[in-house]
């Protein structure tokens, strides 16, 4: 009986922590960006939530049930390094765009399947990672060599 009580308390505490983390999403800084392709085309403006702390990065887009086509999340790291993302606790299909410190797309993962723990690594060192809705990279022509364009300086990683 006591074990069930402890398990119930742990479950409740976990639920409260997750709720608190998900509730923090509304407070994230945002910026407008576009990706410019080598053929001269570009994406429509994307409003990206900024994720530049370890806590925000570990939560990412987990637990979101939907995301508008003109939205995304930009992860900012302190420098270029191999990066790897997974889809644990992520409900929506995503394209994961790996971008180096020169703001050039080095690789991308298209249509990452939700609720999987398969590592999805960059094919080169990346400082930024942009997550957008699944299928949008292909629709918008994003490829290695495309460039991240933002009108203002990017915040730094915490």
Protein backbone atom coordinates (compact mmCIF):
# COMPACT_ATOMS: atom_id res chain seq x y z
CA UNK A 1 0.00 0.00 0.00
CA UNK A 2 2.82 2.41 0.89
CA UNK A 3 4.60 1.67 -2.41
CA UNK A 4 1.48 2.69 -4.37
CA UNK A 5 1.31 5.92 -2.40
CA UNK A 6 4.94 6.71 -3.24
CA UNK A 7 4.37 5.84 -6.89
CA UNK A 8 1.30 8.08 -6.99
CA UNK A 9 3.29 10.97 -5.49
CA UNK A 10 6.14 10.51 -7.97
CA UNK A 11 3.65 10.42 -10.85
CA UNK A 12 1.92 13.58 -9.61
CA UNK A 13 5.23 15.40 -9.16
CA UNK A 14 6.34 14.36 -12.67
CA UNK A 15 3.05 15.59 -14.14
CA UNK A 16 3.43 18.94 -12.37
CA UNK A 17 7.00 19.40 -13.62
CA UNK A 18 6.00 18.58 -17.21
CA UNK A 19 3.01 20.94 -16.97
CA UNK A 20 5.25 23.71 -15.69
CA UNK A 21 7.76 23.16 -18.49
CA UNK A 22 5.09 23.07 -21.18
CA UNK A 23 3.55 26.21 -19.71
CA UNK A 24 6.89 28.03 -20.15
CA UNK A 25 6.57 27.85 -23.95
CA UNK A 26 4.52 31.06 -24.06
CA UNK A 27 7.45 33.00 -22.56
CA UNK A 28 10.10 32.04 -25.09
CA UNK A 29 11.66 34.76 -27.20
CA UNK A 30 10.69 34.66 -30.88
CA UNK A 31 12.16 35.99 -34.09
CA UNK A 32 11.22 36.08 -37.74
CA UNK A 33 13.55 34.32 -40.17
CA UNK A 34 13.73 33.00 -43.71
CA UNK A 35 15.90 30.41 -45.41
CA UNK A 36 17.35 31.61 -48.73
CA UNK A 37 18.06 28.88 -51.26
CA UNK A 38 20.92 28.82 -53.75
CA UNK A 39 18.45 29.05 -56.65
CA UNK A 40 17.19 32.45 -55.40
CA UNK A 41 13.97 31.19 -53.83
CA UNK A 42 13.26 31.49 -50.14
CA UNK A 43 10.84 30.28 -47.52
CA UNK A 44 7.98 32.46 -46.39
CA UNK A 45 8.71 34.24 -43.09
CA UNK A 46 8.91 31.74 -40.23
CA UNK A 47 8.23 32.84 -36.66
CA UNK A 48 10.65 30.76 -34.62
CA UNK A 49 10.67 30.29 -30.88
CA UNK A 50 14.21 30.59 -29.55
CA UNK A 51 15.64 27.72 -27.56
CA UNK A 52 19.04 28.69 -26.20
CA UNK A 53 19.22 27.18 -22.73
CA UNK A 54 19.75 23.55 -21.75
CA UNK A 55 16.26 23.40 -20.20
CA UNK A 56 14.53 24.79 -23.31
CA UNK A 57 16.61 22.55 -25.57
CA UNK A 58 15.74 19.39 -23.67
CA UNK A 59 12.01 20.23 -23.88
CA UNK A 60 12.02 21.47 -27.48
CA UNK A 61 8.67 20.83 -29.19
CA UNK A 62 7.75 17.89 -26.97
CA UNK A 63 4.08 17.55 -26.01
CA UNK A 64 2.87 19.96 -28.72
CA UNK A 65 -0.17 18.62 -30.54
CA UNK A 66 0.10 20.97 -33.53
CA UNK A 67 2.16 23.78 -35.04
CA UNK A 68 1.17 26.30 -37.70
CA UNK A 69 3.03 26.13 -41.03
CA UNK A 70 4.63 29.54 -40.44
CA UNK A 71 6.05 28.54 -37.05
CA UNK A 72 9.15 26.69 -35.91
CA UNK A 73 11.78 26.45 -33.21
CA UNK A 74 15.38 27.59 -33.53
CA UNK A 75 17.86 25.90 -31.20
CA UNK A 76 21.01 27.96 -30.56
CA UNK A 77 24.19 26.31 -29.29
CA UNK A 78 27.49 27.93 -28.21
CA UNK A 79 29.42 26.75 -31.28
CA UNK A 80 29.64 24.32 -34.17
CA UNK A 81 29.59 20.64 -33.18
CA UNK A 82 27.94 17.43 -34.35
CA UNK A 83 24.28 17.55 -33.26
CA UNK A 84 21.69 14.81 -32.88
CA UNK A 85 17.98 15.10 -32.19
CA UNK A 86 15.25 12.57 -31.44
CA UNK A 87 11.45 12.66 -31.41
CA UNK A 88 10.69 11.27 -27.94
CA UNK A 89 7.40 12.72 -26.62
CA UNK A 90 6.98 14.71 -29.84
CA UNK A 91 3.51 14.42 -31.35
CA UNK A 92 4.05 16.21 -34.67
CA UNK A 93 6.16 15.18 -37.66
CA UNK A 94 9.12 17.54 -38.09
CA UNK A 95 11.83 18.50 -40.53
CA UNK A 96 15.11 19.11 -38.68
CA UNK A 97 17.48 21.57 -40.38
CA UNK A 98 21.11 21.66 -39.17
CA UNK A 99 22.86 25.01 -39.75
CA UNK A 100 26.50 25.97 -39.12
CA UNK A 101 27.92 29.16 -37.58
CA UNK A 102 28.13 30.72 -41.07
CA UNK A 103 24.33 30.18 -41.17
CA UNK A 104 24.60 27.64 -44.00
CA UNK A 105 22.45 24.50 -43.98
CA UNK A 106 24.81 21.54 -43.57
CA UNK A 107 22.18 18.78 -43.56
CA UNK A 108 18.56 18.06 -42.81
CA UNK A 109 16.26 15.28 -41.72
CA UNK A 110 12.89 15.26 -43.42
CA UNK A 111 9.66 14.01 -41.90
CA UNK A 112 11.11 12.74 -38.62
CA UNK A 113 8.60 10.26 -37.25
CA UNK A 114 6.95 11.27 -33.94
CA UNK A 115 7.41 9.28 -30.72
CA UNK A 116 10.70 7.69 -31.73
CA UNK A 117 14.04 7.66 -29.97
CA UNK A 118 16.06 7.10 -33.14
CA UNK A 119 19.02 9.50 -33.17
CA UNK A 120 18.90 11.88 -36.12
CA UNK A 121 22.43 13.34 -36.44
CA UNK A 122 23.74 16.23 -38.46
CA UNK A 123 26.08 15.32 -41.32
CA UNK A 124 28.44 18.10 -40.27
CA UNK A 125 29.07 20.43 -37.35
CA UNK A 126 26.10 22.72 -36.60
CA UNK A 127 25.52 25.68 -34.30
CA UNK A 128 21.82 26.12 -35.03
CA UNK A 129 19.01 23.64 -35.52
CA UNK A 130 15.67 24.71 -36.98
CA UNK A 131 12.62 22.49 -36.51
CA UNK A 132 9.69 23.09 -38.86
CA UNK A 133 6.64 21.08 -39.83
CA UNK A 134 7.28 17.80 -41.61
CA UNK A 135 7.46 18.17 -45.40
CA UNK A 136 8.10 21.93 -45.41
CA UNK A 137 11.82 21.67 -46.21
CA UNK A 138 10.99 19.89 -49.47
CA UNK A 139 8.05 22.21 -50.22
CA UNK A 140 10.24 25.28 -49.73
CA UNK A 141 13.35 23.87 -51.46
CA UNK A 142 15.61 23.87 -48.39
CA UNK A 143 18.81 21.92 -49.09
CA UNK A 144 22.42 21.84 -47.92
CA UNK A 145 23.86 25.18 -48.99
CA UNK A 146 20.69 27.18 -48.25
CA UNK A 147 21.30 30.10 -45.86
CA UNK A 148 19.55 31.20 -42.67
CA UNK A 149 18.60 34.88 -42.88
CA UNK A 150 17.45 36.82 -39.83
CA UNK A 151 16.91 40.60 -39.70
CA UNK A 152 18.50 41.01 -36.27
CA UNK A 153 21.47 39.51 -34.43
CA UNK A 154 20.74 36.07 -33.04
CA UNK A 155 20.71 35.64 -29.29
CA UNK A 156 23.59 33.62 -27.91
CA UNK A 157 23.37 30.29 -26.14
CA UNK A 158 23.09 30.44 -22.37
